[in-house]
Structures are given as structure tokens and as C-alpha cells.
Amino acid sequence: MFYRHIAVSNQDNIIAVRIFSLPEGLSCVVSWPLPEPGLRVFSPTSTPPQGVAEALPYAKFLSDHLGAARIAVELDEDVDWDPNWGELVDLQ
């Protein structure tokens, strides 16, 4: 399960995923704060898995491995959530 609009006060132990559009397709950035801050970029490719299809399972793996509370997703305005990616819960 993925979450949107997590309150700033509740973002200490999350895996953050930002999905945005490039001319070549969707790209993703996955970041995490603990145990050491890290960042991984998933760029669009011409062959599967593409950015989102690779980034979201990676975020789930990190969440399980690092014991993160949630996976927070930020979508650019021109990007729509695909239900095939999983469940997106709005915490607003």
C-alpha cells in the first residue's frame, strides 16, 4: 500500500517516491532517511520494467528491509496513478 499527503510531522520513518513525467516516459526517485540517507533514480527505458514498474517494488523492498512505517508517493500534476501499481491511499 502506498500513501499520499503524509503530514510533515509523520515523515521521519518513510520511504519517499516521487513520480514525474519526462519526454521519454515516467521517471521515479526513491529516497530513504535511515540507516543512512539514500536516493535511487529510475529512468524511463524502452524495455520493461520501466521507471515506475521497477521503482515501486524497490520501495516496498526497502520498506520491509529497513522497517519503514510507510511509502509516501508524490505525483506530479501531469501523472495519474495506475491501479496496476497498487493501492494508493490519500491521507489528507
PDB file of N, CA and C in Angstrom:
ATOM      1  N   MET A   1       0.845  -1.175   0.000  1.00  0.00           N
ATOM      2  CA  MET A   1       0.000   0.000   0.000  1.00  0.00           C
ATOM      3  C   MET A   1       0.895   1.244   0.000  1.00  0.00           C
ATOM      4  N   PHE A   2       0.473   2.238  -0.743  1.00  0.00           N
ATOM      5  CA  PHE A   2       1.209   3.490  -0.867  1.00  0.00           C
ATOM      6  C   PHE A   2       0.337   4.627  -0.351  1.00  0.00           C
ATOM      7  N   TYR A   3       0.971   5.678   0.138  1.00  0.00           N
ATOM      8  CA  TYR A   3       0.236   6.781   0.766  1.00  0.00           C
ATOM      9  C   TYR A   3       0.585   8.114   0.116  1.00  0.00           C
ATOM     10  N   ARG A   4      -0.408   9.001   0.067  1.00  0.00           N
ATOM     11  CA  ARG A   4      -0.201  10.376  -0.394  1.00  0.00           C
ATOM     12  C   ARG A   4      -0.534  11.328   0.733  1.00  0.00           C
ATOM     13  N   HIS A   5       0.101  12.484   0.710  1.00  0.00           N
ATOM     14  CA  HIS A   5      -0.204  13.572   1.642  1.00  0.00           C
ATOM     15  C   HIS A   5       0.040  13.183   3.099  1.00  0.00           C
ATOM     16  N   ILE A   6       1.181  12.597   3.376  1.00  0.00           N
ATOM     17  CA  ILE A   6       1.558  12.291   4.751  1.00  0.00           C
ATOM     18  C   ILE A   6       1.995  13.593   5.419  1.00  0.00           C
ATOM     19  N   ALA A   7       1.502  13.844   6.600  1.00  0.00           N
ATOM     20  CA  ALA A   7       1.839  15.079   7.329  1.00  0.00           C
ATOM     21  C   ALA A   7       3.347  15.168   7.551  1.00  0.00           C
ATOM     22  N   VAL A   8       3.867  16.373   7.464  1.00  0.00           N
ATOM     23  CA  VAL A   8       5.306  16.596   7.636  1.00  0.00           C
ATOM     24  C   VAL A   8       5.786  16.049   8.975  1.00  0.00           C
ATOM     25  N   SER A   9       4.976  16.157  10.010  1.00  0.00           N
ATOM     26  CA  SER A   9       5.360  15.669  11.335  1.00  0.00           C
ATOM     27  C   SER A   9       5.458  14.145  11.386  1.00  0.00           C
ATOM     28  N   ASN A  10       4.961  13.458  10.353  1.00  0.00           N
ATOM     29  CA  ASN A  10       4.947  11.996  10.340  1.00  0.00           C
ATOM     30  C   ASN A  10       5.865  11.439   9.248  1.00  0.00           C
ATOM     31  N   GLN A  11       6.881  12.206   8.832  1.00  0.00           N
ATOM     32  CA  GLN A  11       7.720  11.787   7.713  1.00  0.00           C
ATOM     33  C   GLN A  11       9.119  11.339   8.119  1.00  0.00           C
ATOM     34  N   ASP A  12       9.330  11.079   9.382  1.00  0.00           N
ATOM     35  CA  ASP A  12      10.667  10.695   9.833  1.00  0.00           C
ATOM     36  C   ASP A  12      11.086   9.301   9.376  1.00  0.00           C
ATOM     37  N   ASN A  13      10.156   8.382   9.280  1.00  0.00           N
ATOM     38  CA  ASN A  13      10.486   6.992   9.002  1.00  0.00           C
ATOM     39  C   ASN A  13       9.718   6.495   7.775  1.00  0.00           C
ATOM     40  N   ILE A  14       9.903   7.182   6.653  1.00  0.00           N
ATOM     41  CA  ILE A  14       9.195   6.789   5.441  1.00  0.00           C
ATOM     42  C   ILE A  14      10.169   6.570   4.295  1.00  0.00           C
ATOM     43  N   ILE A  15       9.705   5.827   3.319  1.00  0.00           N
ATOM     44  CA  ILE A  15      10.361   5.730   2.027  1.00  0.00           C
ATOM     45  C   ILE A  15       9.578   6.679   1.125  1.00  0.00           C
ATOM     46  N   ALA A  16      10.258   7.610   0.495  1.00  0.00           N
ATOM     47  CA  ALA A  16       9.590   8.598  -0.347  1.00  0.00           C
ATOM     48  C   ALA A  16       9.799   8.249  -1.816  1.00  0.00           C
ATOM     49  N   VAL A  17       8.698   8.307  -2.580  1.00  0.00           N
ATOM     50  CA  VAL A  17       8.740   8.044  -4.019  1.00  0.00           C
ATOM     51  C   VAL A  17       8.143   9.245  -4.735  1.00  0.00           C
ATOM     52  N   ARG A  18       8.876   9.801  -5.659  1.00  0.00           N
ATOM     53  CA  ARG A  18       8.354  10.891  -6.486  1.00  0.00           C
ATOM     54  C   ARG A  18       8.283  10.387  -7.915  1.00  0.00           C
ATOM     55  N   ILE A  19       7.089  10.508  -8.528  1.00  0.00           N
ATOM     56  CA  ILE A  19       6.878  10.060  -9.896  1.00  0.00           C
ATOM     57  C   ILE A  19       6.618  11.292 -10.755  1.00  0.00           C
ATOM     58  N   PHE A  20       7.383  11.411 -11.825  1.00  0.00           N
ATOM     59  CA  PHE A  20       7.231  12.569 -12.698  1.00  0.00           C
ATOM     60  C   PHE A  20       7.425  12.149 -14.152  1.00  0.00           C
ATOM     61  N   SER A  21       6.939  12.997 -15.025  1.00  0.00           N
ATOM     62  CA  SER A  21       6.940  12.711 -16.451  1.00  0.00           C
ATOM     63  C   SER A  21       8.110  13.397 -17.145  1.00  0.00           C
ATOM     64  N   LEU A  22       8.785  12.642 -17.991  1.00  0.00           N
ATOM     65  CA  LEU A  22       9.814  13.157 -18.875  1.00  0.00           C
ATOM     66  C   LEU A  22       9.357  12.899 -20.307  1.00  0.00           C
ATOM     67  N   PRO A  23       9.942  13.548 -21.289  1.00  0.00           N
ATOM     68  CA  PRO A  23       9.533  13.277 -22.678  1.00  0.00           C
ATOM     69  C   PRO A  23       9.643  11.788 -23.056  1.00  0.00           C
ATOM     70  N   GLU A  24      10.575  11.070 -22.433  1.00  0.00           N
ATOM     71  CA  GLU A  24      10.777   9.648 -22.737  1.00  0.00           C
ATOM     72  C   GLU A  24       9.811   8.732 -21.998  1.00  0.00           C
ATOM     73  N   GLY A  25       9.105   9.241 -20.986  1.00  0.00           N
ATOM     74  CA  GLY A  25       8.183   8.432 -20.185  1.00  0.00           C
ATOM     75  C   GLY A  25       8.260   8.825 -18.718  1.00  0.00           C
ATOM     76  N   LEU A  26       7.715   7.961 -17.860  1.00  0.00           N
ATOM     77  CA  LEU A  26       7.692   8.246 -16.426  1.00  0.00           C
ATOM     78  C   LEU A  26       9.024   7.904 -15.769  1.00  0.00           C
ATOM     79  N   SER A  27       9.418   8.756 -14.857  1.00  0.00           N
ATOM     80  CA  SER A  27      10.634   8.549 -14.085  1.00  0.00           C
ATOM     81  C   SER A  27      10.288   8.586 -12.605  1.00  0.00           C
ATOM     82  N   CYS A  28      11.109   7.952 -11.784  1.00  0.00           N
ATOM     83  CA  CYS A  28      10.858   7.904 -10.337  1.00  0.00           C
ATOM     84  C   CYS A  28      12.153   8.135  -9.576  1.00  0.00           C
ATOM     85  N   VAL A  29      11.991   8.751  -8.411  1.00  0.00           N
ATOM     86  CA  VAL A  29      13.090   8.891  -7.465  1.00  0.00           C
ATOM     87  C   VAL A  29      12.615   8.256  -6.160  1.00  0.00           C
ATOM     88  N   VAL A  30      13.400   7.338  -5.632  1.00  0.00           N
ATOM     89  CA  VAL A  30      13.105   6.691  -4.354  1.00  0.00           C
ATOM     90  C   VAL A  30      14.175   7.148  -3.372  1.00  0.00           C
ATOM     91  N   SER A  31      13.739   7.651  -2.211  1.00  0.00           N
ATOM     92  CA  SER A  31      14.706   8.089  -1.202  1.00  0.00           C
ATOM     93  C   SER A  31      14.291   7.557   0.165  1.00  0.00           C
ATOM     94  N   TRP A  32      15.280   7.455   1.051  1.00  0.00           N
ATOM     95  CA  TRP A  32      15.039   6.941   2.392  1.00  0.00           C
ATOM     96  C   TRP A  32      15.993   7.623   3.364  1.00  0.00           C
ATOM     97  N   PRO A  33      15.557   7.795   4.619  1.00  0.00           N
ATOM     98  CA  PRO A  33      16.375   8.526   5.593  1.00  0.00           C
ATOM     99  C   PRO A  33      17.312   7.665   6.432  1.00  0.00           C
ATOM    100  N   LEU A  34      16.952   6.415   6.677  1.00  0.00           N
ATOM    101  CA  LEU A  34      17.697   5.600   7.631  1.00  0.00           C
ATOM    102  C   LEU A  34      18.056   4.249   7.041  1.00  0.00           C
ATOM    103  N   PRO A  35      19.090   3.574   7.455  1.00  0.00           N
ATOM    104  CA  PRO A  35      20.039   3.982   8.480  1.00  0.00           C
ATOM    105  C   PRO A  35      20.981   5.078   7.976  1.00  0.00           C
ATOM    106  N   GLU A  36      21.239   5.121   6.677  1.00  0.00           N
ATOM    107  CA  GLU A  36      21.977   6.211   6.045  1.00  0.00           C
ATOM    108  C   GLU A  36      21.085   6.760   4.942  1.00  0.00           C
ATOM    109  N   PRO A  37      20.999   8.066   4.814  1.00  0.00           N
ATOM    110  CA  PRO A  37      20.169   8.626   3.739  1.00  0.00           C
ATOM    111  C   PRO A  37      20.631   8.116   2.378  1.00  0.00           C
ATOM    112  N   GLY A  38      19.653   7.816   1.536  1.00  0.00           N
ATOM    113  CA  GLY A  38      19.966   7.307   0.210  1.00  0.00           C
ATOM    114  C   GLY A  38      18.962   7.767  -0.814  1.00  0.00           C
ATOM    115  N   LEU A  39      19.326   7.609  -2.073  1.00  0.00           N
ATOM    116  CA  LEU A  39      18.491   8.050  -3.181  1.00  0.00           C
ATOM    117  C   LEU A  39      18.798   7.176  -4.380  1.00  0.00           C
ATOM    118  N   ARG A  40      17.746   6.764  -5.092  1.00  0.00           N
ATOM    119  CA  ARG A  40      17.931   5.999  -6.322  1.00  0.00           C
ATOM    120  C   ARG A  40      16.965   6.529  -7.364  1.00  0.00           C
ATOM    121  N   VAL A  41      17.453   6.737  -8.576  1.00  0.00           N
ATOM    122  CA  VAL A  41      16.652   7.269  -9.675  1.00  0.00           C
ATOM    123  C   VAL A  41      16.346   6.143 -10.653  1.00  0.00           C
ATOM    124  N   PHE A  42      15.083   6.063 -11.071  1.00  0.00           N
ATOM    125  CA  PHE A  42      14.643   5.088 -12.059  1.00  0.00           C
ATOM    126  C   PHE A  42      14.192   5.855 -13.289  1.00  0.00           C
ATOM    127  N   SER A  43      14.932   5.730 -14.373  1.00  0.00           N
ATOM    128  CA  SER A  43      14.645   6.470 -15.592  1.00  0.00           C
ATOM    129  C   SER A  43      13.792   5.643 -16.545  1.00  0.00           C
ATOM    130  N   PRO A  44      13.070   6.329 -17.428  1.00  0.00           N
ATOM    131  CA  PRO A  44      12.293   5.590 -18.426  1.00  0.00           C
ATOM    132  C   PRO A  44      13.225   4.787 -19.335  1.00  0.00           C
ATOM    133  N   THR A  45      12.770   3.608 -19.729  1.00  0.00           N
ATOM    134  CA  THR A  45      13.540   2.772 -20.646  1.00  0.00           C
ATOM    135  C   THR A  45      12.631   2.286 -21.761  1.00  0.00           C
ATOM    136  N   SER A  46      13.222   1.839 -22.827  1.00  0.00           N
ATOM    137  CA  SER A  46      12.428   1.331 -23.954  1.00  0.00           C
ATOM    138  C   SER A  46      11.962  -0.100 -23.736  1.00  0.00           C
ATOM    139  N   THR A  47      12.520  -0.779 -22.726  1.00  0.00           N
ATOM    140  CA  THR A  47      12.113  -2.153 -22.435  1.00  0.00           C
ATOM    141  C   THR A  47      11.668  -2.274 -20.984  1.00  0.00           C
ATOM    142  N   PRO A  48      10.734  -3.172 -20.709  1.00  0.00           N
ATOM    143  CA  PRO A  48      10.277  -3.373 -19.328  1.00  0.00           C
ATOM    144  C   PRO A  48      11.389  -3.957 -18.457  1.00  0.00           C
ATOM    145  N   PRO A  49      11.389  -3.771 -17.149  1.00  0.00           N
ATOM    146  CA  PRO A  49      10.459  -2.887 -16.454  1.00  0.00           C
ATOM    147  C   PRO A  49      10.873  -1.432 -16.612  1.00  0.00           C
ATOM    148  N   GLN A  50       9.908  -0.586 -16.716  1.00  0.00           N
ATOM    149  CA  GLN A  50      10.181   0.834 -16.856  1.00  0.00           C
ATOM    150  C   GLN A  50      10.203   1.474 -15.479  1.00  0.00           C
ATOM    151  N   GLY A  51      10.466   2.787 -15.417  1.00  0.00           N
ATOM    152  CA  GLY A  51      10.671   3.514 -14.168  1.00  0.00           C
ATOM    153  C   GLY A  51       9.771   3.130 -13.014  1.00  0.00           C
ATOM    154  N   VAL A  52       8.462   3.285 -13.170  1.00  0.00           N
ATOM    155  CA  VAL A  52       7.535   3.034 -12.061  1.00  0.00           C
ATOM    156  C   VAL A  52       7.468   1.552 -11.728  1.00  0.00           C
ATOM    157  N   ALA A  53       7.439   0.704 -12.744  1.00  0.00           N
ATOM    158  CA  ALA A  53       7.329  -0.743 -12.516  1.00  0.00           C
ATOM    159  C   ALA A  53       8.533  -1.306 -11.776  1.00  0.00           C
ATOM    160  N   GLU A  54       9.650  -0.625 -11.839  1.00  0.00           N
ATOM    161  CA  GLU A  54      10.836  -1.054 -11.104  1.00  0.00           C
ATOM    162  C   GLU A  54      10.967  -0.331  -9.768  1.00  0.00           C
ATOM    163  N   ALA A  55      10.579   0.938  -9.729  1.00  0.00           N
ATOM    164  CA  ALA A  55      10.764   1.761  -8.532  1.00  0.00           C
ATOM    165  C   ALA A  55       9.844   1.356  -7.381  1.00  0.00           C
ATOM    166  N   LEU A  56       8.574   1.091  -7.665  1.00  0.00           N
ATOM    167  CA  LEU A  56       7.641   0.773  -6.577  1.00  0.00           C
ATOM    168  C   LEU A  56       7.976  -0.539  -5.878  1.00  0.00           C
ATOM    169  N   PRO A  57       8.301  -1.619  -6.599  1.00  0.00           N
ATOM    170  CA  PRO A  57       8.758  -2.826  -5.882  1.00  0.00           C
ATOM    171  C   PRO A  57      10.042  -2.594  -5.096  1.00  0.00           C
ATOM    172  N   TYR A  58      10.924  -1.744  -5.613  1.00  0.00           N
ATOM    173  CA  TYR A  58      12.143  -1.413  -4.884  1.00  0.00           C
ATOM    174  C   TYR A  58      11.807  -0.684  -3.588  1.00  0.00           C
ATOM    175  N   ALA A  59      10.857   0.250  -3.648  1.00  0.00           N
ATOM    176  CA  ALA A  59      10.419   0.968  -2.448  1.00  0.00           C
ATOM    177  C   ALA A  59       9.817  -0.002  -1.433  1.00  0.00           C
ATOM    178  N   LYS A  60       9.035  -0.972  -1.904  1.00  0.00           N
ATOM    179  CA  LYS A  60       8.465  -1.981  -0.991  1.00  0.00           C
ATOM    180  C   LYS A  60       9.572  -2.802  -0.336  1.00  0.00           C
ATOM    181  N   PHE A  61      10.561  -3.208  -1.132  1.00  0.00           N
ATOM    182  CA  PHE A  61      11.688  -3.959  -0.587  1.00  0.00           C
ATOM    183  C   PHE A  61      12.385  -3.151   0.510  1.00  0.00           C
ATOM    184  N   LEU A  62      12.675  -1.875   0.219  1.00  0.00           N
ATOM    185  CA  LEU A  62      13.332  -1.028   1.219  1.00  0.00           C
ATOM    186  C   LEU A  62      12.484  -0.889   2.478  1.00  0.00           C
ATOM    187  N   SER A  63      11.195  -0.706   2.306  1.00  0.00           N
ATOM    188  CA  SER A  63      10.299  -0.562   3.446  1.00  0.00           C
ATOM    189  C   SER A  63      10.368  -1.789   4.342  1.00  0.00           C
ATOM    190  N   ASP A  64      10.331  -2.964   3.734  1.00  0.00           N
ATOM    191  CA  ASP A  64      10.418  -4.204   4.510  1.00  0.00           C
ATOM    192  C   ASP A  64      11.806  -4.360   5.144  1.00  0.00           C
ATOM    193  N   HIS A  65      12.831  -4.110   4.364  1.00  0.00           N
ATOM    194  CA  HIS A  65      14.211  -4.307   4.816  1.00  0.00           C
ATOM    195  C   HIS A  65      14.613  -3.316   5.910  1.00  0.00           C
ATOM    196  N   LEU A  66      14.179  -2.057   5.768  1.00  0.00           N
ATOM    197  CA  LEU A  66      14.573  -1.023   6.724  1.00  0.00           C
ATOM    198  C   LEU A  66      13.556  -0.809   7.834  1.00  0.00           C
ATOM    199  N   GLY A  67      12.405  -1.473   7.736  1.00  0.00           N
ATOM    200  CA  GLY A  67      11.376  -1.312   8.754  1.00  0.00           C
ATOM    201  C   GLY A  67      10.717   0.056   8.717  1.00  0.00           C
ATOM    202  N   ALA A  68      10.612   0.639   7.542  1.00  0.00           N
ATOM    203  CA  ALA A  68       9.981   1.956   7.414  1.00  0.00           C
ATOM    204  C   ALA A  68       8.477   1.839   7.640  1.00  0.00           C
ATOM    205  N   ALA A  69       7.903   2.882   8.197  1.00  0.00           N
ATOM    206  CA  ALA A  69       6.483   2.867   8.531  1.00  0.00           C
ATOM    207  C   ALA A  69       5.594   2.870   7.291  1.00  0.00           C
ATOM    208  N   ARG A  70       5.950   3.699   6.310  1.00  0.00           N
ATOM    209  CA  ARG A  70       5.091   3.844   5.133  1.00  0.00           C
ATOM    210  C   ARG A  70       5.915   4.200   3.906  1.00  0.00           C
ATOM    211  N   ILE A  71       5.257   4.051   2.749  1.00  0.00           N
ATOM    212  CA  ILE A  71       5.826   4.524   1.492  1.00  0.00           C
ATOM    213  C   ILE A  71       4.976   5.698   1.045  1.00  0.00           C
ATOM    214  N   ALA A  72       5.579   6.874   1.003  1.00  0.00           N
ATOM    215  CA  ALA A  72       4.869   8.090   0.615  1.00  0.00           C
ATOM    216  C   ALA A  72       5.130   8.372  -0.861  1.00  0.00           C
ATOM    217  N   VAL A  73       4.057   8.624  -1.607  1.00  0.00           N
ATOM    218  CA  VAL A  73       4.162   8.859  -3.041  1.00  0.00           C
ATOM    219  C   VAL A  73       3.751  10.283  -3.354  1.00  0.00           C
ATOM    220  N   GLU A  74       4.571  10.940  -4.151  1.00  0.00           N
ATOM    221  CA  GLU A  74       4.248  12.266  -4.664  1.00  0.00           C
ATOM    222  C   GLU A  74       4.181  12.165  -6.182  1.00  0.00           C
ATOM    223  N   LEU A  75       3.040  12.553  -6.748  1.00  0.00           N
ATOM    224  CA  LEU A  75       2.846  12.524  -8.188  1.00  0.00           C
ATOM    225  C   LEU A  75       2.830  13.941  -8.732  1.00  0.00           C
ATOM    226  N   ASP A  76       3.529  14.162  -9.835  1.00  0.00           N
ATOM    227  CA  ASP A  76       3.400  15.451 -10.498  1.00  0.00           C
ATOM    228  C   ASP A  76       1.981  15.585 -11.047  1.00  0.00           C
ATOM    229  N   GLU A  77       1.559  16.818 -11.275  1.00  0.00           N
ATOM    230  CA  GLU A  77       0.181  17.069 -11.705  1.00  0.00           C
ATOM    231  C   GLU A  77      -0.174  16.374 -13.009  1.00  0.00           C
ATOM    232  N   ASP A  78       0.792  16.161 -13.883  1.00  0.00           N
ATOM    233  CA  ASP A  78       0.502  15.538 -15.172  1.00  0.00           C
ATOM    234  C   ASP A  78       0.584  14.010 -15.141  1.00  0.00           C
ATOM    235  N   VAL A  79       0.728  13.431 -13.949  1.00  0.00           N
ATOM    236  CA  VAL A  79       0.844  11.976 -13.800  1.00  0.00           C
ATOM    237  C   VAL A  79      -0.368  11.446 -13.042  1.00  0.00           C
ATOM    238  N   ASP A  80      -1.017  10.445 -13.613  1.00  0.00           N
ATOM    239  CA  ASP A  80      -2.144   9.775 -12.958  1.00  0.00           C
ATOM    240  C   ASP A  80      -1.677   8.435 -12.401  1.00  0.00           C
ATOM    241  N   TRP A  81      -2.204   8.089 -11.222  1.00  0.00           N
ATOM    242  CA  TRP A  81      -1.880   6.814 -10.593  1.00  0.00           C
ATOM    243  C   TRP A  81      -2.529   5.692 -11.386  1.00  0.00           C
ATOM    244  N   ASP A  82      -1.764   4.669 -11.681  1.00  0.00           N
ATOM    245  CA  ASP A  82      -2.274   3.479 -12.375  1.00  0.00           C
ATOM    246  C   ASP A  82      -2.624   2.440 -11.315  1.00  0.00           C
ATOM    247  N   PRO A  83      -3.883   1.960 -11.262  1.00  0.00           N
ATOM    248  CA  PRO A  83      -4.256   0.970 -10.245  1.00  0.00           C
ATOM    249  C   PRO A  83      -3.418  -0.313 -10.303  1.00  0.00           C
ATOM    250  N   ASN A  84      -2.797  -0.594 -11.433  1.00  0.00           N
ATOM    251  CA  ASN A  84      -1.938  -1.775 -11.544  1.00  0.00           C
ATOM    252  C   ASN A  84      -0.676  -1.650 -10.692  1.00  0.00           C
ATOM    253  N   TRP A  85      -0.356  -0.425 -10.270  1.00  0.00           N
ATOM    254  CA  TRP A  85       0.827  -0.214  -9.440  1.00  0.00           C
ATOM    255  C   TRP A  85       0.572  -0.589  -7.985  1.00  0.00           C
ATOM    256  N   GLY A  86      -0.683  -0.697  -7.579  1.00  0.00           N
ATOM    257  CA  GLY A  86      -1.023  -0.998  -6.198  1.00  0.00           C
ATOM    258  C   GLY A  86      -2.069  -0.023  -5.688  1.00  0.00           C
ATOM    259  N   GLU A  87      -2.325  -0.094  -4.403  1.00  0.00           N
ATOM    260  CA  GLU A  87      -3.333   0.768  -3.779  1.00  0.00           C
ATOM    261  C   GLU A  87      -2.695   2.054  -3.288  1.00  0.00           C
ATOM    262  N   LEU A  88      -3.304   3.178  -3.651  1.00  0.00           N
ATOM    263  CA  LEU A  88      -2.836   4.493  -3.207  1.00  0.00           C
ATOM    264  C   LEU A  88      -3.886   5.097  -2.284  1.00  0.00           C
ATOM    265  N   VAL A  89      -3.482   5.353  -1.046  1.00  0.00           N
ATOM    266  CA  VAL A  89      -4.392   5.881  -0.029  1.00  0.00           C
ATOM    267  C   VAL A  89      -4.056   7.340   0.214  1.00  0.00           C
ATOM    268  N   ASP A  90      -5.054   8.206   0.159  1.00  0.00           N
ATOM    269  CA  ASP A  90      -4.872   9.627   0.387  1.00  0.00           C
ATOM    270  C   ASP A  90      -5.079   9.909   1.870  1.00  0.00           C
ATOM    271  N   LEU A  91      -4.057  10.419   2.554  1.00  0.00           N
ATOM    272  CA  LEU A  91      -4.150  10.685   3.992  1.00  0.00           C
ATOM    273  C   LEU A  91      -4.509  12.126   4.321  1.00  0.00           C
ATOM    274  N   GLN A  92      -5.054  12.844   3.365  1.00  0.00           N
ATOM    275  CA  GLN A  92      -5.430  14.241   3.633  1.00  0.00           C
ATOM    276  C   GLN A  92      -6.618  14.327   4.541  1.00  0.00           C
TER     277      GLN A  92
END
